Amino acid sequence: MSLEISSTLERFIVDELMMGDKNTRVDPDVSLVSSGIVDSLALLRLIAFVEEKFGVTVEDDEVVPDNFETLNIMESFVAAKL
């Protein structure tokens, strides 16, 4: 399941936030915020996607960089919510 979560998150980030092509990859350990891939607006889009796609609720106090910093961290966060 975690590979599915990770690949689903990566596809959304590449397709919707980076406007990349199907060959674009995201390093699972790179900081999405400091690399400029995710800004505050993109974070809101990403959270909405996570809630809709995985059927989870991201609480206000969970909207912190610690939960959305890298692809690996997001995958663990979503897996824990499931």
PDB file of N, CA and C in Angstrom:
ATOM      1  N   MET A   1       0.827  -1.206   0.000  1.00  0.00           N
ATOM      2  CA  MET A   1       0.000   0.000   0.000  1.00  0.00           C
ATOM      3  C   MET A   1       0.863   1.259   0.000  1.00  0.00           C
ATOM      4  N   SER A   2       2.017   1.240   0.718  1.00  0.00           N
ATOM      5  CA  SER A   2       2.787   2.467   0.767  1.00  0.00           C
ATOM      6  C   SER A   2       3.390   2.847  -0.564  1.00  0.00           C
ATOM      7  N   LEU A   3       3.720   1.861  -1.391  1.00  0.00           N
ATOM      8  CA  LEU A   3       4.222   2.188  -2.727  1.00  0.00           C
ATOM      9  C   LEU A   3       3.107   2.851  -3.536  1.00  0.00           C
ATOM     10  N   GLU A   4       1.884   2.364  -3.368  1.00  0.00           N
ATOM     11  CA  GLU A   4       0.738   2.962  -4.048  1.00  0.00           C
ATOM     12  C   GLU A   4       0.501   4.397  -3.564  1.00  0.00           C
ATOM     13  N   ILE A   5       0.592   4.620  -2.270  1.00  0.00           N
ATOM     14  CA  ILE A   5       0.434   5.967  -1.714  1.00  0.00           C
ATOM     15  C   ILE A   5       1.515   6.884  -2.280  1.00  0.00           C
ATOM     16  N   SER A   6       2.748   6.423  -2.216  1.00  0.00           N
ATOM     17  CA  SER A   6       3.876   7.227  -2.678  1.00  0.00           C
ATOM     18  C   SER A   6       3.760   7.567  -4.157  1.00  0.00           C
ATOM     19  N   SER A   7       3.436   6.582  -4.988  1.00  0.00           N
ATOM     20  CA  SER A   7       3.342   6.844  -6.430  1.00  0.00           C
ATOM     21  C   SER A   7       2.145   7.742  -6.752  1.00  0.00           C
ATOM     22  N   THR A   8       1.049   7.610  -6.016  1.00  0.00           N
ATOM     23  CA  THR A   8      -0.117   8.474  -6.215  1.00  0.00           C
ATOM     24  C   THR A   8       0.226   9.920  -5.863  1.00  0.00           C
ATOM     25  N   LEU A   9       0.907  10.104  -4.731  1.00  0.00           N
ATOM     26  CA  LEU A   9       1.324  11.453  -4.321  1.00  0.00           C
ATOM     27  C   LEU A   9       2.310  12.038  -5.326  1.00  0.00           C
ATOM     28  N   GLU A  10       3.264  11.237  -5.764  1.00  0.00           N
ATOM     29  CA  GLU A  10       4.258  11.720  -6.719  1.00  0.00           C
ATOM     30  C   GLU A  10       3.597  12.146  -8.023  1.00  0.00           C
ATOM     31  N   ARG A  11       2.659  11.353  -8.534  1.00  0.00           N
ATOM     32  CA  ARG A  11       1.978  11.699  -9.791  1.00  0.00           C
ATOM     33  C   ARG A  11       1.246  13.028  -9.645  1.00  0.00           C
ATOM     34  N   PHE A  12       0.553  13.232  -8.519  1.00  0.00           N
ATOM     35  CA  PHE A  12      -0.159  14.500  -8.315  1.00  0.00           C
ATOM     36  C   PHE A  12       0.828  15.664  -8.295  1.00  0.00           C
ATOM     37  N   ILE A  13       1.920  15.515  -7.562  1.00  0.00           N
ATOM     38  CA  ILE A  13       2.915  16.580  -7.457  1.00  0.00           C
ATOM     39  C   ILE A  13       3.500  16.906  -8.832  1.00  0.00           C
ATOM     40  N   VAL A  14       3.865  15.872  -9.583  1.00  0.00           N
ATOM     41  CA  VAL A  14       4.459  16.086 -10.910  1.00  0.00           C
ATOM     42  C   VAL A  14       3.436  16.674 -11.876  1.00  0.00           C
ATOM     43  N   ASP A  15       2.259  16.076 -11.946  1.00  0.00           N
ATOM     44  CA  ASP A  15       1.256  16.486 -12.938  1.00  0.00           C
ATOM     45  C   ASP A  15       0.601  17.825 -12.613  1.00  0.00           C
ATOM     46  N   GLU A  16       0.248  18.034 -11.361  1.00  0.00           N
ATOM     47  CA  GLU A  16      -0.554  19.202 -10.993  1.00  0.00           C
ATOM     48  C   GLU A  16       0.253  20.376 -10.440  1.00  0.00           C
ATOM     49  N   LEU A  17       1.348  20.096  -9.752  1.00  0.00           N
ATOM     50  CA  LEU A  17       2.097  21.176  -9.121  1.00  0.00           C
ATOM     51  C   LEU A  17       3.335  21.574  -9.918  1.00  0.00           C
ATOM     52  N   MET A  18       4.006  20.582 -10.508  1.00  0.00           N
ATOM     53  CA  MET A  18       5.232  20.867 -11.266  1.00  0.00           C
ATOM     54  C   MET A  18       4.962  21.012 -12.758  1.00  0.00           C
ATOM     55  N   MET A  19       3.784  20.565 -13.196  1.00  0.00           N
ATOM     56  CA  MET A  19       3.436  20.546 -14.614  1.00  0.00           C
ATOM     57  C   MET A  19       4.506  19.799 -15.426  1.00  0.00           C
ATOM     58  N   GLY A  20       4.970  18.695 -14.835  1.00  0.00           N
ATOM     59  CA  GLY A  20       5.999  17.892 -15.501  1.00  0.00           C
ATOM     60  C   GLY A  20       5.391  16.891 -16.454  1.00  0.00           C
ATOM     61  N   ASP A  21       6.254  16.114 -17.103  1.00  0.00           N
ATOM     62  CA  ASP A  21       5.752  15.064 -17.994  1.00  0.00           C
ATOM     63  C   ASP A  21       5.837  13.715 -17.288  1.00  0.00           C
ATOM     64  N   LYS A  22       5.443  12.653 -18.005  1.00  0.00           N
ATOM     65  CA  LYS A  22       5.360  11.346 -17.362  1.00  0.00           C
ATOM     66  C   LYS A  22       6.709  10.795 -16.931  1.00  0.00           C
ATOM     67  N   ASN A  23       7.794  11.364 -17.429  1.00  0.00           N
ATOM     68  CA  ASN A  23       9.127  10.900 -17.058  1.00  0.00           C
ATOM     69  C   ASN A  23       9.725  11.693 -15.897  1.00  0.00           C
ATOM     70  N   THR A  24       9.047  12.759 -15.463  1.00  0.00           N
ATOM     71  CA  THR A  24       9.540  13.566 -14.354  1.00  0.00           C
ATOM     72  C   THR A  24       9.406  12.780 -13.058  1.00  0.00           C
ATOM     73  N   ARG A  25      10.454  12.781 -12.261  1.00  0.00           N
ATOM     74  CA  ARG A  25      10.443  12.062 -10.980  1.00  0.00           C
ATOM     75  C   ARG A  25      10.699  13.054  -9.848  1.00  0.00           C
ATOM     76  N   VAL A  26      10.262  12.694  -8.659  1.00  0.00           N
ATOM     77  CA  VAL A  26      10.516  13.492  -7.472  1.00  0.00           C
ATOM     78  C   VAL A  26      11.342  12.642  -6.516  1.00  0.00           C
ATOM     79  N   ASP A  27      12.494  13.158  -6.102  1.00  0.00           N
ATOM     80  CA  ASP A  27      13.315  12.450  -5.115  1.00  0.00           C
ATOM     81  C   ASP A  27      12.501  12.341  -3.825  1.00  0.00           C
ATOM     82  N   PRO A  28      12.290  11.124  -3.306  1.00  0.00           N
ATOM     83  CA  PRO A  28      11.423  10.957  -2.140  1.00  0.00           C
ATOM     84  C   PRO A  28      11.945  11.618  -0.863  1.00  0.00           C
ATOM     85  N   ASP A  29      13.216  12.019  -0.861  1.00  0.00           N
ATOM     86  CA  ASP A  29      13.782  12.636   0.337  1.00  0.00           C
ATOM     87  C   ASP A  29      14.085  14.121   0.179  1.00  0.00           C
ATOM     88  N   VAL A  30      13.783  14.699  -0.997  1.00  0.00           N
ATOM     89  CA  VAL A  30      14.066  16.130  -1.204  1.00  0.00           C
ATOM     90  C   VAL A  30      12.965  16.961  -0.538  1.00  0.00           C
ATOM     91  N   SER A  31      13.352  18.079   0.056  1.00  0.00           N
ATOM     92  CA  SER A  31      12.377  18.971   0.678  1.00  0.00           C
ATOM     93  C   SER A  31      11.555  19.645  -0.413  1.00  0.00           C
ATOM     94  N   LEU A  32      10.270  19.385  -0.413  1.00  0.00           N
ATOM     95  CA  LEU A  32       9.378  19.960  -1.420  1.00  0.00           C
ATOM     96  C   LEU A  32       9.194  21.452  -1.207  1.00  0.00           C
ATOM     97  N   VAL A  33       9.295  21.889   0.033  1.00  0.00           N
ATOM     98  CA  VAL A  33       9.117  23.307   0.351  1.00  0.00           C
ATOM     99  C   VAL A  33      10.373  24.100  -0.011  1.00  0.00           C
ATOM    100  N   SER A  34      11.532  23.696   0.516  1.00  0.00           N
ATOM    101  CA  SER A  34      12.740  24.486   0.258  1.00  0.00           C
ATOM    102  C   SER A  34      13.197  24.389  -1.193  1.00  0.00           C
ATOM    103  N   SER A  35      12.784  23.328  -1.915  1.00  0.00           N
ATOM    104  CA  SER A  35      13.134  23.219  -3.330  1.00  0.00           C
ATOM    105  C   SER A  35      12.202  24.058  -4.206  1.00  0.00           C
ATOM    106  N   GLY A  36      11.139  24.598  -3.604  1.00  0.00           N
ATOM    107  CA  GLY A  36      10.217  25.448  -4.342  1.00  0.00           C
ATOM    108  C   GLY A  36       9.112  24.693  -5.072  1.00  0.00           C
ATOM    109  N   ILE A  37       9.052  23.384  -4.917  1.00  0.00           N
ATOM    110  CA  ILE A  37       8.006  22.596  -5.576  1.00  0.00           C
ATOM    111  C   ILE A  37       6.648  22.887  -4.937  1.00  0.00           C
ATOM    112  N   VAL A  38       6.629  23.010  -3.610  1.00  0.00           N
ATOM    113  CA  VAL A  38       5.385  23.246  -2.885  1.00  0.00           C
ATOM    114  C   VAL A  38       5.461  24.581  -2.156  1.00  0.00           C
ATOM    115  N   ASP A  39       4.517  25.487  -2.501  1.00  0.00           N
ATOM    116  CA  ASP A  39       4.372  26.737  -1.759  1.00  0.00           C
ATOM    117  C   ASP A  39       3.059  26.645  -0.975  1.00  0.00           C
ATOM    118  N   SER A  40       2.636  27.725  -0.371  1.00  0.00           N
ATOM    119  CA  SER A  40       1.452  27.651   0.488  1.00  0.00           C
ATOM    120  C   SER A  40       0.184  27.280  -0.288  1.00  0.00           C
ATOM    121  N   LEU A  41       0.026  27.814  -1.486  1.00  0.00           N
ATOM    122  CA  LEU A  41      -1.148  27.477  -2.292  1.00  0.00           C
ATOM    123  C   LEU A  41      -1.093  26.019  -2.741  1.00  0.00           C
ATOM    124  N   ALA A  42       0.075  25.570  -3.168  1.00  0.00           N
ATOM    125  CA  ALA A  42       0.246  24.177  -3.588  1.00  0.00           C
ATOM    126  C   ALA A  42      -0.002  23.230  -2.417  1.00  0.00           C
ATOM    127  N   LEU A  43       0.378  23.643  -1.216  1.00  0.00           N
ATOM    128  CA  LEU A  43       0.146  22.813  -0.035  1.00  0.00           C
ATOM    129  C   LEU A  43      -1.344  22.615   0.196  1.00  0.00           C
ATOM    130  N   LEU A  44      -2.127  23.673   0.016  1.00  0.00           N
ATOM    131  CA  LEU A  44      -3.578  23.551   0.172  1.00  0.00           C
ATOM    132  C   LEU A  44      -4.165  22.602  -0.875  1.00  0.00           C
ATOM    133  N   ARG A  45      -3.685  22.695  -2.104  1.00  0.00           N
ATOM    134  CA  ARG A  45      -4.139  21.784  -3.172  1.00  0.00           C
ATOM    135  C   ARG A  45      -3.753  20.345  -2.844  1.00  0.00           C
ATOM    136  N   LEU A  46      -2.545  20.173  -2.327  1.00  0.00           N
ATOM    137  CA  LEU A  46      -2.051  18.841  -1.973  1.00  0.00           C
ATOM    138  C   LEU A  46      -2.880  18.229  -0.841  1.00  0.00           C
ATOM    139  N   ILE A  47      -3.201  19.023   0.157  1.00  0.00           N
ATOM    140  CA  ILE A  47      -4.020  18.538   1.275  1.00  0.00           C
ATOM    141  C   ILE A  47      -5.410  18.160   0.790  1.00  0.00           C
ATOM    142  N   ALA A  48      -6.008  18.979  -0.059  1.00  0.00           N
ATOM    143  CA  ALA A  48      -7.339  18.665  -0.612  1.00  0.00           C
ATOM    144  C   ALA A  48      -7.281  17.362  -1.400  1.00  0.00           C
ATOM    145  N   PHE A  49      -6.207  17.169  -2.169  1.00  0.00           N
ATOM    146  CA  PHE A  49      -6.039  15.942  -2.936  1.00  0.00           C
ATOM    147  C   PHE A  49      -5.935  14.733  -2.008  1.00  0.00           C
ATOM    148  N   VAL A  50      -5.117  14.836  -0.970  1.00  0.00           N
ATOM    149  CA  VAL A  50      -4.928  13.737  -0.009  1.00  0.00           C
ATOM    150  C   VAL A  50      -6.253  13.362   0.641  1.00  0.00           C
ATOM    151  N   GLU A  51      -7.004  14.371   1.055  1.00  0.00           N
ATOM    152  CA  GLU A  51      -8.286  14.100   1.707  1.00  0.00           C
ATOM    153  C   GLU A  51      -9.262  13.416   0.761  1.00  0.00           C
ATOM    154  N   GLU A  52      -9.330  13.894  -0.464  1.00  0.00           N
ATOM    155  CA  GLU A  52     -10.265  13.324  -1.437  1.00  0.00           C
ATOM    156  C   GLU A  52      -9.829  11.933  -1.894  1.00  0.00           C
ATOM    157  N   LYS A  53      -8.563  11.797  -2.251  1.00  0.00           N
ATOM    158  CA  LYS A  53      -8.067  10.554  -2.836  1.00  0.00           C
ATOM    159  C   LYS A  53      -8.031   9.410  -1.831  1.00  0.00           C
ATOM    160  N   PHE A  54      -7.619   9.716  -0.594  1.00  0.00           N
ATOM    161  CA  PHE A  54      -7.430   8.652   0.392  1.00  0.00           C
ATOM    162  C   PHE A  54      -8.539   8.598   1.436  1.00  0.00           C
ATOM    163  N   GLY A  55      -9.486   9.520   1.357  1.00  0.00           N
ATOM    164  CA  GLY A  55     -10.617   9.495   2.280  1.00  0.00           C
ATOM    165  C   GLY A  55     -10.231   9.757   3.723  1.00  0.00           C
ATOM    166  N   VAL A  56      -9.243  10.610   3.931  1.00  0.00           N
ATOM    167  CA  VAL A  56      -8.814  10.952   5.282  1.00  0.00           C
ATOM    168  C   VAL A  56      -9.082  12.437   5.524  1.00  0.00           C
ATOM    169  N   THR A  57      -9.043  12.829   6.782  1.00  0.00           N
ATOM    170  CA  THR A  57      -9.179  14.237   7.135  1.00  0.00           C
ATOM    171  C   THR A  57      -7.858  14.717   7.713  1.00  0.00           C
ATOM    172  N   VAL A  58      -7.330  15.773   7.141  1.00  0.00           N
ATOM    173  CA  VAL A  58      -6.116  16.396   7.669  1.00  0.00           C
ATOM    174  C   VAL A  58      -6.574  17.513   8.594  1.00  0.00           C
ATOM    175  N   GLU A  59      -6.305  17.335   9.878  1.00  0.00           N
ATOM    176  CA  GLU A  59      -6.718  18.323  10.879  1.00  0.00           C
ATOM    177  C   GLU A  59      -5.857  19.578  10.776  1.00  0.00           C
ATOM    178  N   ASP A  60      -6.391  20.692  11.253  1.00  0.00           N
ATOM    179  CA  ASP A  60      -5.665  21.966  11.192  1.00  0.00           C
ATOM    180  C   ASP A  60      -4.287  21.873  11.841  1.00  0.00           C
ATOM    181  N   ASP A  61      -4.206  21.175  12.974  1.00  0.00           N
ATOM    182  CA  ASP A  61      -2.917  21.087  13.677  1.00  0.00           C
ATOM    183  C   ASP A  61      -1.938  20.122  13.001  1.00  0.00           C
ATOM    184  N   GLU A  62      -2.394  19.423  11.970  1.00  0.00           N
ATOM    185  CA  GLU A  62      -1.511  18.522  11.212  1.00  0.00           C
ATOM    186  C   GLU A  62      -0.936  19.206   9.968  1.00  0.00           C
ATOM    187  N   VAL A  63      -1.421  20.408   9.659  1.00  0.00           N
ATOM    188  CA  VAL A  63      -0.941  21.155   8.497  1.00  0.00           C
ATOM    189  C   VAL A  63       0.347  21.873   8.902  1.00  0.00           C
ATOM    190  N   VAL A  64       1.396  21.077   9.029  1.00  0.00           N
ATOM    191  CA  VAL A  64       2.713  21.590   9.408  1.00  0.00           C
ATOM    192  C   VAL A  64       3.747  20.991   8.454  1.00  0.00           C
ATOM    193  N   PRO A  65       4.846  21.701   8.238  1.00  0.00           N
ATOM    194  CA  PRO A  65       5.875  21.186   7.327  1.00  0.00           C
ATOM    195  C   PRO A  65       6.364  19.772   7.686  1.00  0.00           C
ATOM    196  N   ASP A  66       6.342  19.450   8.974  1.00  0.00           N
ATOM    197  CA  ASP A  66       6.802  18.116   9.384  1.00  0.00           C
ATOM    198  C   ASP A  66       6.022  16.990   8.714  1.00  0.00           C
ATOM    199  N   ASN A  67       4.772  17.233   8.337  1.00  0.00           N
ATOM    200  CA  ASN A  67       3.953  16.199   7.704  1.00  0.00           C
ATOM    201  C   ASN A  67       3.998  16.231   6.175  1.00  0.00           C
ATOM    202  N   PHE A  68       4.517  17.305   5.590  1.00  0.00           N
ATOM    203  CA  PHE A  68       4.470  17.471   4.143  1.00  0.00           C
ATOM    204  C   PHE A  68       5.815  17.872   3.528  1.00  0.00           C
ATOM    205  N   GLU A  69       6.891  17.710   4.278  1.00  0.00           N
ATOM    206  CA  GLU A  69       8.214  18.171   3.837  1.00  0.00           C
ATOM    207  C   GLU A  69       8.750  17.392   2.631  1.00  0.00           C
ATOM    208  N   THR A  70       8.633  16.057   2.670  1.00  0.00           N
ATOM    209  CA  THR A  70       9.145  15.218   1.583  1.00  0.00           C
ATOM    210  C   THR A  70       8.087  14.208   1.172  1.00  0.00           C
ATOM    211  N   LEU A  71       8.310  13.568   0.043  1.00  0.00           N
ATOM    212  CA  LEU A  71       7.405  12.514  -0.422  1.00  0.00           C
ATOM    213  C   LEU A  71       7.354  11.364   0.583  1.00  0.00           C
ATOM    214  N   ASN A  72       8.512  10.977   1.112  1.00  0.00           N
ATOM    215  CA  ASN A  72       8.553   9.890   2.107  1.00  0.00           C
ATOM    216  C   ASN A  72       7.776  10.239   3.370  1.00  0.00           C
ATOM    217  N   ILE A  73       7.924  11.479   3.832  1.00  0.00           N
ATOM    218  CA  ILE A  73       7.207  11.907   5.046  1.00  0.00           C
ATOM    219  C   ILE A  73       5.704  11.921   4.792  1.00  0.00           C
ATOM    220  N   MET A  74       5.290  12.427   3.629  1.00  0.00           N
ATOM    221  CA  MET A  74       3.856  12.448   3.298  1.00  0.00           C
ATOM    222  C   MET A  74       3.287  11.038   3.205  1.00  0.00           C
ATOM    223  N   GLU A  75       4.039  10.144   2.615  1.00  0.00           N
ATOM    224  CA  GLU A  75       3.588   8.753   2.481  1.00  0.00           C
ATOM    225  C   GLU A  75       3.351   8.147   3.872  1.00  0.00           C
ATOM    226  N   SER A  76       4.276   8.363   4.793  1.00  0.00           N
ATOM    227  CA  SER A  76       4.126   7.851   6.164  1.00  0.00           C
ATOM    228  C   SER A  76       2.935   8.490   6.865  1.00  0.00           C
ATOM    229  N   PHE A  77       2.764   9.786   6.661  1.00  0.00           N
ATOM    230  CA  PHE A  77       1.650  10.520   7.269  1.00  0.00           C
ATOM    231  C   PHE A  77       0.306   9.956   6.787  1.00  0.00           C
ATOM    232  N   VAL A  78       0.177   9.801   5.464  1.00  0.00           N
ATOM    233  CA  VAL A  78      -1.070   9.281   4.903  1.00  0.00           C
ATOM    234  C   VAL A  78      -1.310   7.841   5.360  1.00  0.00           C
ATOM    235  N   ALA A  79      -0.270   7.021   5.343  1.00  0.00           N
ATOM    236  CA  ALA A  79      -0.406   5.626   5.779  1.00  0.00           C
ATOM    237  C   ALA A  79      -0.887   5.549   7.230  1.00  0.00           C
ATOM    238  N   ALA A  80      -0.369   6.435   8.074  1.00  0.00           N
ATOM    239  CA  ALA A  80      -0.790   6.454   9.484  1.00  0.00           C
ATOM    240  C   ALA A  80      -2.248   6.886   9.615  1.00  0.00           C
ATOM    241  N   LYS A  81      -2.695   7.790   8.733  1.00  0.00           N
ATOM    242  CA  LYS A  81      -4.090   8.250   8.786  1.00  0.00           C
ATOM    243  C   LYS A  81      -5.052   7.149   8.342  1.00  0.00           C
ATOM    244  N   LEU A  82      -4.570   6.235   7.500  1.00  0.00           N
ATOM    245  CA  LEU A  82      -5.418   5.149   7.026  1.00  0.00           C
ATOM    246  C   LEU A  82      -5.496   4.074   8.085  1.00  0.00           C
TER     247      LEU A  82
END
